[in-house]
Amino acid sequence: MKMLDKVGRATIGFFDYTGGITILAGESAGFLVRLRIRFIETLNQCYFLGFQSLSIVLLTSLFTGMVISLESAMQAVQYGVGNLVGGAVTYGSVRELGPMLTAVVVAGRVGAAIAAELGSMVVTEQIDALTSMGLEPTRFLVVPRLLALLIMLPLLTICADVISTLGGMWIAQTYAHISVQTFLSSARQAIGFEDVLKGLVKSLVFALIIALVGAYQGLSTRGGAAGVGKATTGAVVISIILIFVSNFALSIVLFGGH
């Protein structure tokens, strides 16, 4: 009976969480469609959530591209296929690692920040104050962060793709003596503009996940300061799990037939 009780509670909790996220997404979409947007706050969030995440995204992407190139270049040259290294680096970065690693890094920083900020507002009753004044918390707090991530995460993904490719090119030239022309020629043959666009589609989905999960966790905070900590941790963990799951599903949908 205890096992059935746990399963039942887990099932109810899952549907409750899913329903809450769906309602929050619907309310946010309604404000966006009607252009009820706080533009100044959105710009501020673009700077805080996007631009301030640039350095850690670039650092992560740089070393990721360098590692891929380091692992593949030496072996490729030994087997006489050094002209494929550029394609391998850009192929993995643009289609998979660029969007996904950028989203994971941003989720760790931005998802936690959103959950902590909104959670602190909940426990200090600032959300109740907004509601009592007839203001919509979703429009004032969630929509600017959601729109900012929808704008900034694809831009961060493009930066990650570029710096990852440059890092891989430098390693290939330094350690395997693969020329820049050979590397870039291989990269152009391996990927096309369509691959870049599909990677950006992934980043848009990841932006939705990070913003909505972080906001919902924050707005659902209960239990004072300890509750804020739990909400922040939950936002990061759930976002990263959903990013990996959705990345697999999107890879099948976008690239499965190729």
C-alpha atoms as a PDB file:
ATOM      1  CA  MET A   1       0.000   0.000   0.000  1.00  0.00           C
ATOM      2  CA  LYS A   2       2.856   2.368   0.774  1.00  0.00           C
ATOM      3  CA  MET A   3       4.325   1.745  -2.660  1.00  0.00           C
ATOM      4  CA  LEU A   4       0.976   2.452  -4.330  1.00  0.00           C
ATOM      5  CA  ASP A   5       0.636   5.591  -2.264  1.00  0.00           C
ATOM      6  CA  LYS A   6       4.070   6.800  -3.385  1.00  0.00           C
ATOM      7  CA  VAL A   7       3.281   6.018  -7.011  1.00  0.00           C
ATOM      8  CA  GLY A   8      -0.029   7.838  -6.747  1.00  0.00           C
ATOM      9  CA  ARG A   9       1.530  10.896  -5.149  1.00  0.00           C
ATOM     10  CA  ALA A  10       4.297  10.961  -7.756  1.00  0.00           C
ATOM     11  CA  THR A  11       1.750  10.713 -10.571  1.00  0.00           C
ATOM     12  CA  ILE A  12      -0.380  13.508  -9.130  1.00  0.00           C
ATOM     13  CA  GLY A  13       2.720  15.633  -8.600  1.00  0.00           C
ATOM     14  CA  PHE A  14       3.854  15.067 -12.195  1.00  0.00           C
ATOM     15  CA  PHE A  15       0.530  16.116 -13.699  1.00  0.00           C
ATOM     16  CA  ASP A  16       0.241  19.036 -11.297  1.00  0.00           C
ATOM     17  CA  TYR A  17       3.689  20.270 -12.306  1.00  0.00           C
ATOM     18  CA  THR A  18       3.050  19.726 -16.003  1.00  0.00           C
ATOM     19  CA  GLY A  19      -0.285  21.514 -15.762  1.00  0.00           C
ATOM     20  CA  GLY A  20       1.265  24.450 -13.909  1.00  0.00           C
ATOM     21  CA  ILE A  21       4.008  24.851 -16.510  1.00  0.00           C
ATOM     22  CA  THR A  22       1.435  24.634 -19.317  1.00  0.00           C
ATOM     23  CA  ILE A  23      -0.794  27.284 -17.745  1.00  0.00           C
ATOM     24  CA  LEU A  24       2.187  29.584 -17.192  1.00  0.00           C
ATOM     25  CA  ALA A  25       3.279  29.079 -20.818  1.00  0.00           C
ATOM     26  CA  GLY A  26      -0.239  29.829 -22.055  1.00  0.00           C
ATOM     27  CA  GLU A  27      -0.519  33.018 -20.012  1.00  0.00           C
ATOM     28  CA  SER A  28       2.918  34.182 -21.201  1.00  0.00           C
ATOM     29  CA  ALA A  29       2.062  33.411 -24.831  1.00  0.00           C
ATOM     30  CA  GLY A  30      -1.148  35.432 -24.475  1.00  0.00           C
ATOM     31  CA  PHE A  31       0.753  38.507 -23.313  1.00  0.00           C
ATOM     32  CA  LEU A  32       3.331  38.085 -26.090  1.00  0.00           C
ATOM     33  CA  VAL A  33       0.692  37.727 -28.804  1.00  0.00           C
ATOM     34  CA  ARG A  34      -1.097  40.853 -27.574  1.00  0.00           C
ATOM     35  CA  LEU A  35       2.278  42.658 -27.360  1.00  0.00           C
ATOM     36  CA  ARG A  36       1.731  43.451 -23.695  1.00  0.00           C
ATOM     37  CA  ILE A  37       5.479  43.536 -23.164  1.00  0.00           C
ATOM     38  CA  ARG A  38       7.613  45.641 -20.851  1.00  0.00           C
ATOM     39  CA  PHE A  39      10.332  46.519 -23.354  1.00  0.00           C
ATOM     40  CA  ILE A  40      12.719  48.285 -20.962  1.00  0.00           C
ATOM     41  CA  GLU A  41      12.600  45.399 -18.509  1.00  0.00           C
ATOM     42  CA  THR A  42      13.099  42.959 -21.385  1.00  0.00           C
ATOM     43  CA  LEU A  43      16.235  44.820 -22.466  1.00  0.00           C
ATOM     44  CA  ASN A  44      17.526  44.742 -18.891  1.00  0.00           C
ATOM     45  CA  GLN A  45      16.922  41.009 -18.757  1.00  0.00           C
ATOM     46  CA  CYS A  46      18.677  40.554 -22.122  1.00  0.00           C
ATOM     47  CA  TYR A  47      21.750  42.123 -20.572  1.00  0.00           C
ATOM     48  CA  PHE A  48      21.541  40.206 -17.301  1.00  0.00           C
ATOM     49  CA  LEU A  49      20.477  36.804 -18.632  1.00  0.00           C
ATOM     50  CA  GLY A  50      22.249  36.908 -21.983  1.00  0.00           C
ATOM     51  CA  PHE A  51      25.222  39.231 -22.182  1.00  0.00           C
ATOM     52  CA  GLN A  52      26.486  38.407 -18.703  1.00  0.00           C
ATOM     53  CA  SER A  53      26.411  34.710 -19.629  1.00  0.00           C
ATOM     54  CA  LEU A  54      28.590  35.273 -22.694  1.00  0.00           C
ATOM     55  CA  SER A  55      31.968  34.745 -21.059  1.00  0.00           C
ATOM     56  CA  ILE A  56      31.169  31.368 -19.512  1.00  0.00           C
ATOM     57  CA  VAL A  57      29.468  30.193 -22.730  1.00  0.00           C
ATOM     58  CA  LEU A  58      32.483  31.163 -24.824  1.00  0.00           C
ATOM     59  CA  LEU A  59      34.905  29.534 -22.408  1.00  0.00           C
ATOM     60  CA  THR A  60      32.940  26.282 -22.336  1.00  0.00           C
ATOM     61  CA  SER A  61      32.537  26.203 -26.116  1.00  0.00           C
ATOM     62  CA  LEU A  62      36.186  27.015 -26.767  1.00  0.00           C
ATOM     63  CA  PHE A  63      37.487  24.098 -24.745  1.00  0.00           C
ATOM     64  CA  THR A  64      34.799  21.774 -26.088  1.00  0.00           C
ATOM     65  CA  GLY A  65      35.865  22.474 -29.667  1.00  0.00           C
ATOM     66  CA  MET A  66      39.517  22.123 -28.725  1.00  0.00           C
ATOM     67  CA  VAL A  67      38.922  18.761 -27.052  1.00  0.00           C
ATOM     68  CA  ILE A  68      36.958  17.384 -30.015  1.00  0.00           C
ATOM     69  CA  SER A  69      39.700  18.503 -32.383  1.00  0.00           C
ATOM     70  CA  LEU A  70      42.485  17.184 -30.165  1.00  0.00           C
ATOM     71  CA  GLU A  71      40.877  13.751 -29.865  1.00  0.00           C
ATOM     72  CA  SER A  72      40.115  13.432 -33.572  1.00  0.00           C
ATOM     73  CA  ALA A  73      42.926  15.267 -35.383  1.00  0.00           C
ATOM     74  CA  MET A  74      45.874  13.063 -34.451  1.00  0.00           C
ATOM     75  CA  GLN A  75      44.028   9.830 -35.229  1.00  0.00           C
ATOM     76  CA  ALA A  76      42.634  11.270 -38.440  1.00  0.00           C
ATOM     77  CA  VAL A  77      46.084  12.229 -39.700  1.00  0.00           C
ATOM     78  CA  GLN A  78      47.456   8.762 -38.870  1.00  0.00           C
ATOM     79  CA  TYR A  79      44.734   7.148 -40.968  1.00  0.00           C
ATOM     80  CA  GLY A  80      45.088   9.681 -43.775  1.00  0.00           C
ATOM     81  CA  VAL A  81      41.752  11.414 -43.294  1.00  0.00           C
ATOM     82  CA  GLY A  82      42.953  14.678 -41.781  1.00  0.00           C
ATOM     83  CA  ASN A  83      40.786  16.551 -44.267  1.00  0.00           C
ATOM     84  CA  LEU A  84      37.702  15.376 -42.323  1.00  0.00           C
ATOM     85  CA  VAL A  85      38.615  16.956 -38.970  1.00  0.00           C
ATOM     86  CA  GLY A  86      37.053  20.340 -39.726  1.00  0.00           C
ATOM     87  CA  GLY A  87      33.795  18.689 -40.668  1.00  0.00           C
ATOM     88  CA  ALA A  88      33.786  16.565 -37.524  1.00  0.00           C
ATOM     89  CA  VAL A  89      34.298  19.573 -35.245  1.00  0.00           C
ATOM     90  CA  THR A  90      31.714  21.817 -36.888  1.00  0.00           C
ATOM     91  CA  TYR A  91      29.245  18.970 -37.384  1.00  0.00           C
ATOM     92  CA  GLY A  92      29.227  18.133 -33.679  1.00  0.00           C
ATOM     93  CA  SER A  93      29.261  21.750 -32.558  1.00  0.00           C
ATOM     94  CA  VAL A  94      26.563  23.204 -34.799  1.00  0.00           C
ATOM     95  CA  ARG A  95      24.084  20.344 -34.642  1.00  0.00           C
ATOM     96  CA  GLU A  96      24.470  19.083 -31.083  1.00  0.00           C
ATOM     97  CA  LEU A  97      27.080  20.369 -28.664  1.00  0.00           C
ATOM     98  CA  GLY A  98      26.730  24.079 -29.425  1.00  0.00           C
ATOM     99  CA  PRO A  99      22.999  24.404 -28.653  1.00  0.00           C
ATOM    100  CA  MET A 100      22.953  21.823 -25.882  1.00  0.00           C
ATOM    101  CA  LEU A 101      26.052  22.875 -23.922  1.00  0.00           C
ATOM    102  CA  THR A 102      25.076  26.532 -24.219  1.00  0.00           C
ATOM    103  CA  ALA A 103      21.644  25.714 -22.829  1.00  0.00           C
ATOM    104  CA  VAL A 104      23.091  23.655 -19.976  1.00  0.00           C
ATOM    105  CA  VAL A 105      25.506  26.416 -19.001  1.00  0.00           C
ATOM    106  CA  VAL A 106      22.783  29.058 -19.198  1.00  0.00           C
ATOM    107  CA  ALA A 107      20.389  26.849 -17.229  1.00  0.00           C
ATOM    108  CA  GLY A 108      22.926  26.579 -14.426  1.00  0.00           C
ATOM    109  CA  ARG A 109      23.331  30.332 -14.214  1.00  0.00           C
ATOM    110  CA  VAL A 110      20.097  31.854 -15.500  1.00  0.00           C
ATOM    111  CA  GLY A 111      17.610  29.210 -14.370  1.00  0.00           C
ATOM    112  CA  ALA A 112      18.928  29.455 -10.831  1.00  0.00           C
ATOM    113  CA  ALA A 113      18.856  33.261 -10.939  1.00  0.00           C
ATOM    114  CA  ILE A 114      15.238  33.379 -12.139  1.00  0.00           C
ATOM    115  CA  ALA A 115      14.054  30.867  -9.540  1.00  0.00           C
ATOM    116  CA  ALA A 116      15.942  32.583  -6.707  1.00  0.00           C
ATOM    117  CA  GLU A 117      14.726  36.066  -7.619  1.00  0.00           C
ATOM    118  CA  LEU A 118      11.076  35.131  -8.031  1.00  0.00           C
ATOM    119  CA  GLY A 119      11.201  32.812  -5.023  1.00  0.00           C
ATOM    120  CA  SER A 120      12.533  35.610  -2.845  1.00  0.00           C
ATOM    121  CA  MET A 121       9.701  37.831  -4.059  1.00  0.00           C
ATOM    122  CA  VAL A 122       7.182  35.141  -3.140  1.00  0.00           C
ATOM    123  CA  VAL A 123       8.451  34.599   0.417  1.00  0.00           C
ATOM    124  CA  THR A 124       8.652  38.355   1.035  1.00  0.00           C
ATOM    125  CA  GLU A 125       5.061  38.706  -0.258  1.00  0.00           C
ATOM    126  CA  GLN A 126       5.991  41.033  -3.118  1.00  0.00           C
ATOM    127  CA  ILE A 127       3.997  38.848  -5.528  1.00  0.00           C
ATOM    128  CA  ASP A 128       0.924  39.227  -3.324  1.00  0.00           C
ATOM    129  CA  ALA A 129       1.459  42.983  -3.346  1.00  0.00           C
ATOM    130  CA  LEU A 130       1.516  43.031  -7.149  1.00  0.00           C
ATOM    131  CA  THR A 131      -1.677  40.968  -7.292  1.00  0.00           C
ATOM    132  CA  SER A 132      -3.439  43.187  -4.754  1.00  0.00           C
ATOM    133  CA  MET A 133      -2.664  46.228  -6.962  1.00  0.00           C
ATOM    134  CA  GLY A 134      -4.317  44.538  -9.929  1.00  0.00           C
ATOM    135  CA  LEU A 135      -1.056  43.786 -11.748  1.00  0.00           C
ATOM    136  CA  GLU A 136      -0.348  40.472 -13.461  1.00  0.00           C
ATOM    137  CA  PRO A 137       2.800  38.803 -12.050  1.00  0.00           C
ATOM    138  CA  THR A 138       3.176  36.772 -15.250  1.00  0.00           C
ATOM    139  CA  ARG A 139       3.320  39.890 -17.438  1.00  0.00           C
ATOM    140  CA  PHE A 140       5.574  41.853 -15.102  1.00  0.00           C
ATOM    141  CA  LEU A 141       7.969  39.083 -14.061  1.00  0.00           C
ATOM    142  CA  VAL A 142       7.814  36.082 -16.392  1.00  0.00           C
ATOM    143  CA  VAL A 143       7.291  37.544 -19.882  1.00  0.00           C
ATOM    144  CA  PRO A 144      10.398  39.817 -19.876  1.00  0.00           C
ATOM    145  CA  ARG A 145      12.625  36.927 -18.804  1.00  0.00           C
ATOM    146  CA  LEU A 146      11.064  34.531 -21.286  1.00  0.00           C
ATOM    147  CA  LEU A 147      11.377  36.963 -24.198  1.00  0.00           C
ATOM    148  CA  ALA A 148      14.936  37.862 -23.212  1.00  0.00           C
ATOM    149  CA  LEU A 149      15.998  34.212 -23.294  1.00  0.00           C
ATOM    150  CA  LEU A 150      14.214  33.617 -26.605  1.00  0.00           C
ATOM    151  CA  ILE A 151      16.296  36.458 -28.046  1.00  0.00           C
ATOM    152  CA  MET A 152      19.626  35.851 -26.351  1.00  0.00           C
ATOM    153  CA  LEU A 153      20.015  32.054 -26.266  1.00  0.00           C
ATOM    154  CA  PRO A 154      20.112  31.684 -30.097  1.00  0.00           C
ATOM    155  CA  LEU A 155      22.669  34.515 -30.226  1.00  0.00           C
ATOM    156  CA  LEU A 156      24.755  32.811 -27.552  1.00  0.00           C
ATOM    157  CA  THR A 157      24.492  29.564 -29.514  1.00  0.00           C
ATOM    158  CA  ILE A 158      25.856  31.259 -32.643  1.00  0.00           C
ATOM    159  CA  CYS A 159      28.766  32.643 -30.631  1.00  0.00           C
ATOM    160  CA  ALA A 160      29.374  29.177 -29.176  1.00  0.00           C
ATOM    161  CA  ASP A 161      29.408  27.585 -32.638  1.00  0.00           C
ATOM    162  CA  VAL A 162      31.912  30.132 -33.941  1.00  0.00           C
ATOM    163  CA  ILE A 163      34.310  29.988 -30.986  1.00  0.00           C
ATOM    164  CA  SER A 164      34.131  26.178 -30.859  1.00  0.00           C
ATOM    165  CA  THR A 165      35.065  25.987 -34.534  1.00  0.00           C
ATOM    166  CA  LEU A 166      37.913  28.471 -34.117  1.00  0.00           C
ATOM    167  CA  GLY A 167      39.272  26.573 -31.117  1.00  0.00           C
ATOM    168  CA  GLY A 168      39.115  23.300 -33.006  1.00  0.00           C
ATOM    169  CA  MET A 169      40.823  24.859 -36.009  1.00  0.00           C
ATOM    170  CA  TRP A 170      43.669  26.181 -33.867  1.00  0.00           C
ATOM    171  CA  ILE A 171      44.253  22.795 -32.225  1.00  0.00           C
ATOM    172  CA  ALA A 172      44.099  20.989 -35.577  1.00  0.00           C
ATOM    173  CA  GLN A 173      46.684  23.336 -37.043  1.00  0.00           C
ATOM    174  CA  THR A 174      48.953  23.301 -33.981  1.00  0.00           C
ATOM    175  CA  TYR A 175      49.014  19.613 -33.097  1.00  0.00           C
ATOM    176  CA  ALA A 176      48.118  17.856 -36.362  1.00  0.00           C
ATOM    177  CA  HIS A 177      49.424  20.437 -38.860  1.00  0.00           C
ATOM    178  CA  ILE A 178      46.095  20.609 -40.679  1.00  0.00           C
ATOM    179  CA  SER A 179      45.958  23.830 -42.644  1.00  0.00           C
ATOM    180  CA  VAL A 180      43.260  26.426 -42.110  1.00  0.00           C
ATOM    181  CA  GLN A 181      42.095  26.037 -45.710  1.00  0.00           C
ATOM    182  CA  THR A 182      41.721  22.264 -45.338  1.00  0.00           C
ATOM    183  CA  PHE A 183      39.854  22.657 -42.045  1.00  0.00           C
ATOM    184  CA  LEU A 184      37.427  25.274 -43.386  1.00  0.00           C
ATOM    185  CA  SER A 185      36.845  23.360 -46.611  1.00  0.00           C
ATOM    186  CA  SER A 186      35.917  20.268 -44.634  1.00  0.00           C
ATOM    187  CA  ALA A 187      33.630  22.338 -42.391  1.00  0.00           C
ATOM    188  CA  ARG A 188      31.779  23.832 -45.370  1.00  0.00           C
ATOM    189  CA  GLN A 189      31.227  20.390 -46.862  1.00  0.00           C
ATOM    190  CA  ALA A 190      29.971  18.888 -43.595  1.00  0.00           C
ATOM    191  CA  ILE A 191      27.324  21.436 -42.648  1.00  0.00           C
ATOM    192  CA  GLY A 192      25.014  23.841 -44.404  1.00  0.00           C
ATOM    193  CA  PHE A 193      22.902  26.822 -43.439  1.00  0.00           C
ATOM    194  CA  GLU A 194      19.989  24.465 -42.780  1.00  0.00           C
ATOM    195  CA  ASP A 195      21.993  22.730 -40.043  1.00  0.00           C
ATOM    196  CA  VAL A 196      22.665  26.079 -38.375  1.00  0.00           C
ATOM    197  CA  LEU A 197      18.961  26.965 -38.468  1.00  0.00           C
ATOM    198  CA  LYS A 198      17.985  23.633 -36.939  1.00  0.00           C
ATOM    199  CA  GLY A 199      20.501  24.179 -34.154  1.00  0.00           C
ATOM    200  CA  LEU A 200      18.891  27.553 -33.488  1.00  0.00           C
ATOM    201  CA  VAL A 201      15.456  25.901 -33.369  1.00  0.00           C
ATOM    202  CA  LYS A 202      16.835  23.711 -30.596  1.00  0.00           C
ATOM    203  CA  SER A 203      18.072  26.766 -28.734  1.00  0.00           C
ATOM    204  CA  LEU A 204      14.595  28.345 -28.875  1.00  0.00           C
ATOM    205  CA  VAL A 205      13.072  25.227 -27.307  1.00  0.00           C
ATOM    206  CA  PHE A 206      15.786  25.198 -24.644  1.00  0.00           C
ATOM    207  CA  ALA A 207      15.114  28.881 -23.914  1.00  0.00           C
ATOM    208  CA  LEU A 208      11.444  28.093 -23.302  1.00  0.00           C
ATOM    209  CA  ILE A 209      12.393  25.277 -20.934  1.00  0.00           C
ATOM    210  CA  ILE A 210      14.872  27.340 -18.906  1.00  0.00           C
ATOM    211  CA  ALA A 211      12.616  30.384 -18.558  1.00  0.00           C
ATOM    212  CA  LEU A 212       9.378  28.555 -17.791  1.00  0.00           C
ATOM    213  CA  VAL A 213      10.873  26.033 -15.367  1.00  0.00           C
ATOM    214  CA  GLY A 214      12.855  28.723 -13.539  1.00  0.00           C
ATOM    215  CA  ALA A 215       9.827  31.016 -13.305  1.00  0.00           C
ATOM    216  CA  TYR A 216       7.456  28.254 -12.213  1.00  0.00           C
ATOM    217  CA  GLN A 217       9.864  26.996  -9.581  1.00  0.00           C
ATOM    218  CA  GLY A 218      10.269  30.522  -8.256  1.00  0.00           C
ATOM    219  CA  LEU A 219       6.565  31.310  -8.194  1.00  0.00           C
ATOM    220  CA  SER A 220       5.843  27.960  -6.494  1.00  0.00           C
ATOM    221  CA  THR A 221       8.303  28.604  -3.674  1.00  0.00           C
ATOM    222  CA  ARG A 222       7.061  27.803  -0.186  1.00  0.00           C
ATOM    223  CA  GLY A 223       8.807  27.674   3.172  1.00  0.00           C
ATOM    224  CA  GLY A 224      10.931  30.789   3.467  1.00  0.00           C
ATOM    225  CA  ALA A 225      14.651  30.866   2.752  1.00  0.00           C
ATOM    226  CA  ALA A 226      14.926  27.066   2.715  1.00  0.00           C
ATOM    227  CA  GLY A 227      12.175  26.957   0.117  1.00  0.00           C
ATOM    228  CA  VAL A 228      14.083  29.400  -2.084  1.00  0.00           C
ATOM    229  CA  GLY A 229      17.106  27.100  -1.986  1.00  0.00           C
ATOM    230  CA  LYS A 230      15.008  24.079  -2.924  1.00  0.00           C
ATOM    231  CA  ALA A 231      13.309  25.980  -5.742  1.00  0.00           C
ATOM    232  CA  THR A 232      16.658  27.134  -7.127  1.00  0.00           C
ATOM    233  CA  THR A 233      18.154  23.644  -7.045  1.00  0.00           C
ATOM    234  CA  GLY A 234      15.019  22.160  -8.580  1.00  0.00           C
ATOM    235  CA  ALA A 235      15.007  24.714 -11.379  1.00  0.00           C
ATOM    236  CA  VAL A 236      18.547  23.810 -12.434  1.00  0.00           C
ATOM    237  CA  VAL A 237      18.110  20.044 -12.151  1.00  0.00           C
ATOM    238  CA  ILE A 238      14.744  19.902 -13.930  1.00  0.00           C
ATOM    239  CA  SER A 239      15.875  22.285 -16.677  1.00  0.00           C
ATOM    240  CA  ILE A 240      19.002  20.268 -17.448  1.00  0.00           C
ATOM    241  CA  ILE A 241      17.086  16.984 -17.503  1.00  0.00           C
ATOM    242  CA  LEU A 242      14.469  18.436 -19.848  1.00  0.00           C
ATOM    243  CA  ILE A 243      17.194  19.913 -22.060  1.00  0.00           C
ATOM    244  CA  PHE A 244      18.803  16.493 -22.537  1.00  0.00           C
ATOM    245  CA  VAL A 245      15.460  14.780 -23.150  1.00  0.00           C
ATOM    246  CA  SER A 246      14.230  17.433 -25.578  1.00  0.00           C
ATOM    247  CA  ASN A 247      17.604  17.483 -27.355  1.00  0.00           C
ATOM    248  CA  PHE A 248      17.244  13.781 -28.097  1.00  0.00           C
ATOM    249  CA  ALA A 249      13.664  14.230 -29.324  1.00  0.00           C
ATOM    250  CA  LEU A 250      14.561  17.256 -31.448  1.00  0.00           C
ATOM    251  CA  SER A 251      17.541  15.443 -32.963  1.00  0.00           C
ATOM    252  CA  ILE A 252      15.220  12.680 -34.127  1.00  0.00           C
ATOM    253  CA  VAL A 253      12.676  15.146 -35.513  1.00  0.00           C
ATOM    254  CA  LEU A 254      15.152  17.545 -37.141  1.00  0.00           C
ATOM    255  CA  PHE A 255      17.988  15.251 -38.183  1.00  0.00           C
ATOM    256  CA  GLY A 256      16.598  11.736 -37.920  1.00  0.00           C
ATOM    257  CA  GLY A 257      15.964  11.380 -41.637  1.00  0.00           C
ATOM    258  CA  HIS A 258      19.437  12.544 -42.667  1.00  0.00           C
END
